[in-house]
């Protein structure tokens, strides 16, 4: 009996100790650990970059309007006249067949043929009008409901923006070639070389590959809008191509269709970049600006009182130090507009207003 009580007391004591040791201990959380909540969700990982649209979709939108141009022309050689062929590109801008291209693609043409990417039919094209100064031209094919591209706004471009060049590089068969790059620079200007009528004042530089045969084809932005006309490459350079901004090309296109030529404002003078060396040779007070080297009699600039060897430093309150910059600014205005020009004559700075005439 005593042994039974002993065992009973022992079991009760063991149960009591077990209850004390198994009592729930307080839960602790490290101070640096986040407190989980029922609404916390993991951040989804994007499957495709949101800042770069699908290039294939953009190309599919524009490519049907990019045409292959083949031109026959006569070349004079020491052996007589030889019939030659050159190729280029163009972009359809109206459903009834108006095509914008480069003047150098169709110059001296005796026959112009056009082939659309999604057609085996060759179209005979006629020249509507050309503007050698901007190196642009409009040709036309007969028909209706052609696929078209749309002009974009190059003023919205920034250096580093993506652009796509589409054209018939090297005249390869099987449709246009597509290359992609970035805007490498804006507002490039080039003085025409000897014997070249063209003057390039509103040029987009791009790293998108441009090759012979691309001339006249579109440079498009990521909305599929035409922001440039592919025009120039530099022989021996890599990833340096040039396109005429559609800020210029659109104006030329519309003028060629409406008037058969381009209406441009005219100052009536020849200009040179003023360098410190040239300023020293001429004994000028200022050493930067645009030197007036010749003034046409009775021209707008002559009537305003500007003379040869004056130095223009500002046009419409915008500083100018290069002749190409002055011309580019000038082309943004219309015939009949009055523009403000600041210039130096000797030690005196003067400001005049010039009423723009039409370029002869």
Protein backbone atom coordinates (compact mmCIF):
# COMPACT_ATOMS: atom_id res chain seq x y z
CA UNK A 1 0.00 0.00 0.00
CA UNK A 2 2.76 2.42 0.84
CA UNK A 3 4.59 1.38 -2.35
CA UNK A 4 1.45 2.05 -4.39
CA UNK A 5 1.08 5.55 -2.91
CA UNK A 6 4.73 6.23 -3.61
CA UNK A 7 4.37 5.35 -7.26
CA UNK A 8 1.17 7.39 -7.49
CA UNK A 9 2.88 10.43 -6.01
CA UNK A 10 5.84 9.90 -8.39
CA UNK A 11 3.61 9.81 -11.46
CA UNK A 12 1.71 12.93 -10.35
CA UNK A 13 4.98 14.79 -9.80
CA UNK A 14 6.27 13.75 -13.24
CA UNK A 15 3.09 14.95 -14.92
CA UNK A 16 3.34 18.28 -13.14
CA UNK A 17 6.95 18.81 -14.20
CA UNK A 18 6.07 17.86 -17.80
CA UNK A 19 3.28 20.42 -17.90
CA UNK A 20 5.64 23.16 -16.71
CA UNK A 21 8.37 22.40 -19.22
CA UNK A 22 6.02 22.07 -22.22
CA UNK A 23 4.24 25.39 -21.63
CA UNK A 24 4.37 27.46 -24.83
CA UNK A 25 7.43 29.71 -24.88
CA UNK A 26 6.99 33.25 -26.23
CA UNK A 27 7.77 33.58 -29.96
CA UNK A 28 10.58 35.96 -30.86
CA UNK A 29 11.22 37.54 -34.27
CA UNK A 30 14.58 39.05 -35.33
CA UNK A 31 14.36 42.83 -35.49
CA UNK A 32 15.66 42.85 -39.04
CA UNK A 33 13.13 40.35 -40.41
CA UNK A 34 10.02 41.71 -42.16
CA UNK A 35 6.69 40.95 -40.60
CA UNK A 36 4.76 38.77 -43.04
CA UNK A 37 1.29 39.88 -43.99
CA UNK A 38 -1.46 38.13 -45.82
CA UNK A 39 -1.37 40.68 -48.70
CA UNK A 40 2.39 40.56 -49.45
CA UNK A 41 3.00 39.35 -53.04
CA UNK A 42 6.31 38.71 -54.82
CA UNK A 43 7.29 41.30 -57.46
CA UNK A 44 6.63 39.82 -60.89
CA UNK A 45 9.63 39.51 -63.21
CA UNK A 46 8.87 41.06 -66.60
CA UNK A 47 9.17 38.63 -69.46
CA UNK A 48 9.96 41.36 -72.03
CA UNK A 49 11.47 44.86 -71.66
CA UNK A 50 8.71 47.43 -71.67
CA UNK A 51 10.92 50.19 -73.10
CA UNK A 52 11.68 48.50 -76.45
CA UNK A 53 8.68 47.48 -78.57
CA UNK A 54 8.77 44.49 -80.86
CA UNK A 55 10.85 45.62 -83.84
CA UNK A 56 9.20 43.05 -86.14
CA UNK A 57 5.80 44.66 -85.53
CA UNK A 58 7.16 48.10 -86.43
CA UNK A 59 8.81 46.78 -89.59
CA UNK A 60 5.62 44.97 -90.63
CA UNK A 61 3.78 48.29 -90.36
CA UNK A 62 6.19 50.29 -92.53
CA UNK A 63 7.88 47.84 -94.89
CA UNK A 64 4.95 47.49 -97.37
CA UNK A 65 5.39 51.20 -98.21
CA UNK A 66 9.16 50.95 -98.88
CA UNK A 67 9.77 50.54 -102.61
CA UNK A 68 12.67 49.37 -104.75
CA UNK A 69 13.68 51.88 -107.44
CA UNK A 70 15.62 50.95 -110.56
CA UNK A 71 16.82 53.74 -112.84
CA UNK A 72 18.25 53.66 -116.33
CA UNK A 73 20.46 56.56 -117.37
CA UNK A 74 23.03 57.37 -120.03
CA UNK A 75 26.67 57.68 -119.06
CA UNK A 76 29.10 59.56 -121.30
CA UNK A 77 32.43 57.77 -121.56
CA UNK A 78 35.48 57.90 -123.80
CA UNK A 79 33.86 55.06 -125.72
CA UNK A 80 30.64 56.98 -126.25
CA UNK A 81 27.31 56.84 -124.47
CA UNK A 82 26.61 53.74 -122.37
CA UNK A 83 23.27 52.80 -120.84
CA UNK A 84 23.75 52.29 -117.09
CA UNK A 85 21.50 51.20 -114.21
CA UNK A 86 21.42 52.33 -110.59
CA UNK A 87 19.14 51.35 -107.75
CA UNK A 88 17.76 52.97 -104.64
CA UNK A 89 14.77 53.14 -102.37
CA UNK A 90 11.72 55.29 -101.78
CA UNK A 91 8.74 55.53 -99.46
CA UNK A 92 5.09 55.70 -100.51
CA UNK A 93 3.37 58.64 -98.81
CA UNK A 94 0.02 58.71 -100.60
CA UNK A 95 -2.40 55.96 -101.54
CA UNK A 96 -2.44 57.18 -105.15
CA UNK A 97 1.28 56.53 -105.63
CA UNK A 98 3.41 59.55 -104.62
CA UNK A 99 6.88 58.40 -103.56
CA UNK A 100 9.55 60.43 -101.78
CA UNK A 101 13.16 59.55 -102.58
CA UNK A 102 16.58 61.16 -103.03
CA UNK A 103 17.29 63.31 -106.06
CA UNK A 104 20.58 61.50 -106.63
CA UNK A 105 18.66 58.22 -106.99
CA UNK A 106 16.60 59.42 -109.97
CA UNK A 107 18.80 62.16 -111.44
CA UNK A 108 19.44 61.94 -115.21
CA UNK A 109 16.95 59.07 -115.46
CA UNK A 110 15.63 58.02 -118.86
CA UNK A 111 13.49 55.33 -117.24
CA UNK A 112 12.33 54.80 -113.64
CA UNK A 113 10.85 51.50 -112.48
CA UNK A 114 9.36 50.77 -109.07
CA UNK A 115 8.71 47.45 -107.36
CA UNK A 116 6.67 47.10 -104.15
CA UNK A 117 7.76 44.54 -101.51
CA UNK A 118 4.54 42.55 -101.61
CA UNK A 119 4.05 42.57 -105.38
CA UNK A 120 5.74 41.06 -108.41
CA UNK A 121 4.36 43.81 -110.63
CA UNK A 122 6.81 46.43 -111.90
CA UNK A 123 5.42 49.96 -112.07
CA UNK A 124 6.66 52.59 -114.50
CA UNK A 125 7.21 55.82 -112.56
CA UNK A 126 7.29 59.42 -113.70
CA UNK A 127 9.16 62.29 -112.13
CA UNK A 128 6.83 64.77 -110.44
CA UNK A 129 9.53 67.25 -109.38
CA UNK A 130 13.00 67.32 -107.87
CA UNK A 131 14.94 69.65 -105.57
CA UNK A 132 18.69 69.20 -106.07
CA UNK A 133 19.46 71.61 -103.23
CA UNK A 134 17.94 69.31 -100.59
CA UNK A 135 18.70 66.14 -102.63
CA UNK A 136 15.03 65.13 -102.56
CA UNK A 137 12.57 64.23 -105.29
CA UNK A 138 9.00 63.00 -105.75
CA UNK A 139 8.09 60.32 -108.29
CA UNK A 140 4.68 58.81 -108.97
CA UNK A 141 3.26 55.45 -110.02
CA UNK A 142 -0.26 54.94 -111.32
CA UNK A 143 -2.77 53.15 -109.14
CA UNK A 144 -4.86 53.42 -105.99
CA UNK A 145 -4.93 52.04 -102.45
CA UNK A 146 -1.17 51.65 -102.16
CA UNK A 147 0.21 51.04 -98.65
CA UNK A 148 1.58 54.23 -97.14
CA UNK A 149 3.88 55.42 -94.38
CA UNK A 150 3.32 58.50 -92.23
CA UNK A 151 5.60 61.40 -91.35
CA UNK A 152 6.76 61.58 -87.74
CA UNK A 153 8.09 64.47 -85.67
CA UNK A 154 11.91 64.53 -85.63
CA UNK A 155 11.87 67.43 -83.16
CA UNK A 156 10.91 64.87 -80.50
CA UNK A 157 14.02 62.77 -81.14
CA UNK A 158 16.86 62.72 -78.61
CA UNK A 159 20.39 61.46 -79.02
CA UNK A 160 20.26 57.81 -77.98
CA UNK A 161 16.70 57.13 -79.21
CA UNK A 162 16.19 53.92 -81.20
CA UNK A 163 15.60 54.25 -84.96
CA UNK A 164 15.18 51.75 -87.79
CA UNK A 165 16.51 52.09 -91.35
CA UNK A 166 14.62 50.29 -94.12
CA UNK A 167 15.75 50.15 -97.73
CA UNK A 168 17.04 48.06 -100.59
CA UNK A 169 20.67 47.85 -99.52
CA UNK A 170 22.99 46.85 -102.38
CA UNK A 171 19.93 46.13 -104.51
CA UNK A 172 19.56 42.70 -102.94
CA UNK A 173 16.61 40.64 -104.13
CA UNK A 174 13.89 39.44 -101.79
CA UNK A 175 12.66 42.69 -100.28
CA UNK A 176 14.04 45.54 -98.20
CA UNK A 177 16.85 45.23 -95.66
CA UNK A 178 16.15 46.29 -92.08
CA UNK A 179 18.79 47.63 -89.68
CA UNK A 180 18.44 49.13 -86.22
CA UNK A 181 20.54 51.66 -84.33
CA UNK A 182 20.29 54.83 -82.33
CA UNK A 183 20.25 58.53 -83.06
CA UNK A 184 23.95 59.35 -82.82
CA UNK A 185 23.54 63.10 -83.26
CA UNK A 186 21.10 65.72 -84.50
CA UNK A 187 21.31 68.89 -86.59
CA UNK A 188 24.37 67.80 -88.54
CA UNK A 189 25.25 70.01 -91.50
CA UNK A 190 27.44 69.48 -94.54
CA UNK A 191 28.80 71.93 -97.05
CA UNK A 192 28.42 70.68 -100.61
CA UNK A 193 31.53 69.37 -102.29
CA UNK A 194 32.82 70.78 -105.54
CA UNK A 195 30.31 70.20 -108.31
CA UNK A 196 27.60 69.06 -105.88
CA UNK A 197 24.40 71.11 -105.95
CA UNK A 198 23.12 69.69 -102.66
CA UNK A 199 23.32 71.41 -99.30
CA UNK A 200 22.62 69.35 -96.20
CA UNK A 201 21.51 71.48 -93.25
CA UNK A 202 19.12 69.32 -91.24
CA UNK A 203 20.67 65.88 -90.88
CA UNK A 204 20.15 63.03 -88.41
CA UNK A 205 23.24 60.93 -87.74
CA UNK A 206 22.49 57.30 -86.91
CA UNK A 207 24.32 54.10 -86.07
CA UNK A 208 21.75 52.06 -88.02
CA UNK A 209 23.65 50.56 -90.96
CA UNK A 210 23.03 52.43 -94.22
CA UNK A 211 24.49 51.07 -97.45
CA UNK A 212 24.35 51.92 -101.15
CA UNK A 213 20.80 51.24 -102.24
CA UNK A 214 19.35 52.52 -98.95
CA UNK A 215 19.23 56.05 -100.37
CA UNK A 216 15.69 57.38 -100.39
CA UNK A 217 14.40 54.82 -97.90
CA UNK A 218 12.85 55.80 -94.57
CA UNK A 219 14.42 56.14 -91.15
CA UNK A 220 11.58 55.42 -88.71
CA UNK A 221 11.04 55.83 -84.98
CA UNK A 222 9.55 53.24 -82.63
CA UNK A 223 6.05 54.38 -83.53
CA UNK A 224 6.69 53.40 -87.14
CA UNK A 225 6.69 57.04 -88.29
CA UNK A 226 9.14 58.39 -90.88
CA UNK A 227 11.58 60.78 -89.18
CA UNK A 228 14.26 60.83 -91.86
CA UNK A 229 15.19 59.97 -95.45
CA UNK A 230 18.34 57.83 -95.58
CA UNK A 231 20.81 59.69 -97.76
CA UNK A 232 24.51 59.60 -96.93
CA UNK A 233 27.29 57.36 -95.71
CA UNK A 234 30.95 58.11 -95.10
CA UNK A 235 33.24 55.74 -96.94
CA UNK A 236 35.55 53.89 -94.57
CA UNK A 237 33.52 54.74 -91.45
CA UNK A 238 31.54 52.23 -89.41
CA UNK A 239 28.02 52.78 -88.05
CA UNK A 240 27.91 56.36 -89.29
CA UNK A 241 25.00 57.10 -91.59
CA UNK A 242 22.97 60.20 -92.29
CA UNK A 243 19.31 60.89 -92.99
CA UNK A 244 17.59 64.11 -94.01
CA UNK A 245 15.23 65.06 -91.20
CA UNK A 246 11.57 65.06 -92.20
CA UNK A 247 11.33 68.53 -90.67
CA UNK A 248 12.99 69.47 -93.98
CA UNK A 249 11.78 66.58 -96.13
CA UNK A 250 8.09 67.12 -95.39
CA UNK A 251 8.27 70.78 -96.44
CA UNK A 252 10.11 69.84 -99.64
CA UNK A 253 7.66 67.01 -100.42
CA UNK A 254 4.61 69.24 -100.01
CA UNK A 255 6.15 72.07 -102.06
CA UNK A 256 7.16 69.77 -104.90
CA UNK A 257 3.62 68.39 -105.09
CA UNK A 258 1.94 71.78 -104.90
CA UNK A 259 4.28 74.06 -106.85
CA UNK A 260 6.72 71.81 -108.70
CA UNK A 261 9.60 73.49 -106.86
CA UNK A 262 10.51 74.47 -103.31
CA UNK A 263 9.66 77.95 -102.07
CA UNK A 264 12.51 79.04 -99.81
CA UNK A 265 13.19 82.29 -97.98
CA UNK A 266 16.10 84.32 -99.32
CA UNK A 267 18.49 86.77 -97.72
CA UNK A 268 20.60 87.47 -100.80
CA UNK A 269 24.15 86.98 -99.57
CA UNK A 270 26.99 84.49 -99.45
CA UNK A 271 28.32 83.45 -96.04
CA UNK A 272 31.48 81.94 -94.57
CA UNK A 273 32.32 80.56 -91.15
CA UNK A 274 34.43 83.14 -89.34
CA UNK A 275 37.51 81.64 -87.70
CA UNK A 276 39.99 83.50 -85.48
CA UNK A 277 42.60 83.22 -88.26
CA UNK A 278 40.27 84.70 -90.87
CA UNK A 279 39.18 87.43 -88.44
CA UNK A 280 42.82 88.35 -87.88
CA UNK A 281 43.54 88.46 -91.61
CA UNK A 282 40.59 90.78 -92.20
CA UNK A 283 41.35 92.92 -89.14
CA UNK A 284 37.93 92.24 -87.59
CA UNK A 285 37.06 92.99 -83.98
CA UNK A 286 35.01 89.81 -83.39
CA UNK A 287 36.50 86.39 -84.12
CA UNK A 288 33.42 84.19 -84.16
CA UNK A 289 30.20 84.41 -86.14
CA UNK A 290 29.14 84.25 -89.79
CA UNK A 291 31.05 86.44 -92.23
CA UNK A 292 29.07 88.07 -95.04
CA UNK A 293 31.33 87.55 -98.05
CA UNK A 294 29.01 88.88 -100.78
CA UNK A 295 25.75 90.85 -100.90
CA UNK A 296 23.51 90.72 -103.97
CA UNK A 297 22.30 94.16 -105.10
CA UNK A 298 18.69 94.97 -104.10
CA UNK A 299 18.46 91.76 -102.06
CA UNK A 300 16.66 91.74 -98.70
CA UNK A 301 19.91 91.87 -96.77
CA UNK A 302 21.20 94.72 -98.98
CA UNK A 303 18.03 96.73 -98.39
CA UNK A 304 18.46 96.25 -94.63
CA UNK A 305 21.94 97.81 -94.80
CA UNK A 306 24.17 94.77 -94.23
CA UNK A 307 27.39 94.85 -96.26
CA UNK A 308 30.25 92.53 -97.19
CA UNK A 309 32.67 91.82 -94.28
CA UNK A 310 29.96 92.42 -91.68
CA UNK A 311 29.80 89.58 -89.14
CA UNK A 312 26.40 88.17 -88.20
CA UNK A 313 26.34 86.87 -84.64
CA UNK A 314 22.63 86.40 -84.00
CA UNK A 315 19.55 85.44 -86.03
CA UNK A 316 16.17 85.86 -84.35
CA UNK A 317 18.01 86.14 -81.00
CA UNK A 318 19.71 82.78 -81.56
CA UNK A 319 23.49 82.76 -81.60
CA UNK A 320 25.07 81.70 -84.89
CA UNK A 321 28.72 80.79 -85.34
CA UNK A 322 28.45 78.66 -88.50
CA UNK A 323 26.98 79.47 -91.89
CA UNK A 324 25.15 76.14 -91.95
CA UNK A 325 23.43 77.01 -88.67
CA UNK A 326 22.31 80.35 -90.09
CA UNK A 327 20.87 78.68 -93.22
CA UNK A 328 19.05 76.05 -91.16
CA UNK A 329 17.43 78.74 -89.01
CA UNK A 330 16.56 80.76 -92.11
CA UNK A 331 14.73 77.80 -93.69
CA UNK A 332 12.40 77.63 -90.70
CA UNK A 333 10.77 80.90 -91.82
CA UNK A 334 8.53 81.83 -94.72
CA UNK A 335 8.75 84.31 -97.56
CA UNK A 336 7.46 87.65 -96.29
CA UNK A 337 8.51 87.09 -92.67
CA UNK A 338 10.59 89.78 -90.96
CA UNK A 339 13.60 88.44 -89.08
CA UNK A 340 15.92 90.08 -86.58
CA UNK A 341 19.64 90.01 -87.38
CA UNK A 342 22.41 91.24 -85.10
CA UNK A 343 25.82 91.91 -86.68
CA UNK A 344 29.12 93.64 -86.09
CA UNK A 345 30.72 96.23 -88.34
CA UNK A 346 34.13 97.15 -87.01
CA UNK A 347 33.70 97.97 -83.32
CA UNK A 348 29.96 98.60 -83.58
CA UNK A 349 27.18 96.10 -82.97
CA UNK A 350 23.96 96.75 -84.89
CA UNK A 351 20.54 95.14 -85.19
CA UNK A 352 18.27 95.26 -88.23
CA UNK A 353 15.02 93.66 -89.39
CA UNK A 354 15.09 91.90 -92.77
CA UNK A 355 11.97 91.03 -94.79
CA UNK A 356 12.57 87.67 -96.47
CA UNK A 357 12.04 87.31 -100.21
CA UNK A 358 11.67 84.12 -102.27
CA UNK A 359 14.87 82.38 -103.28
CA UNK A 360 15.37 82.77 -107.05
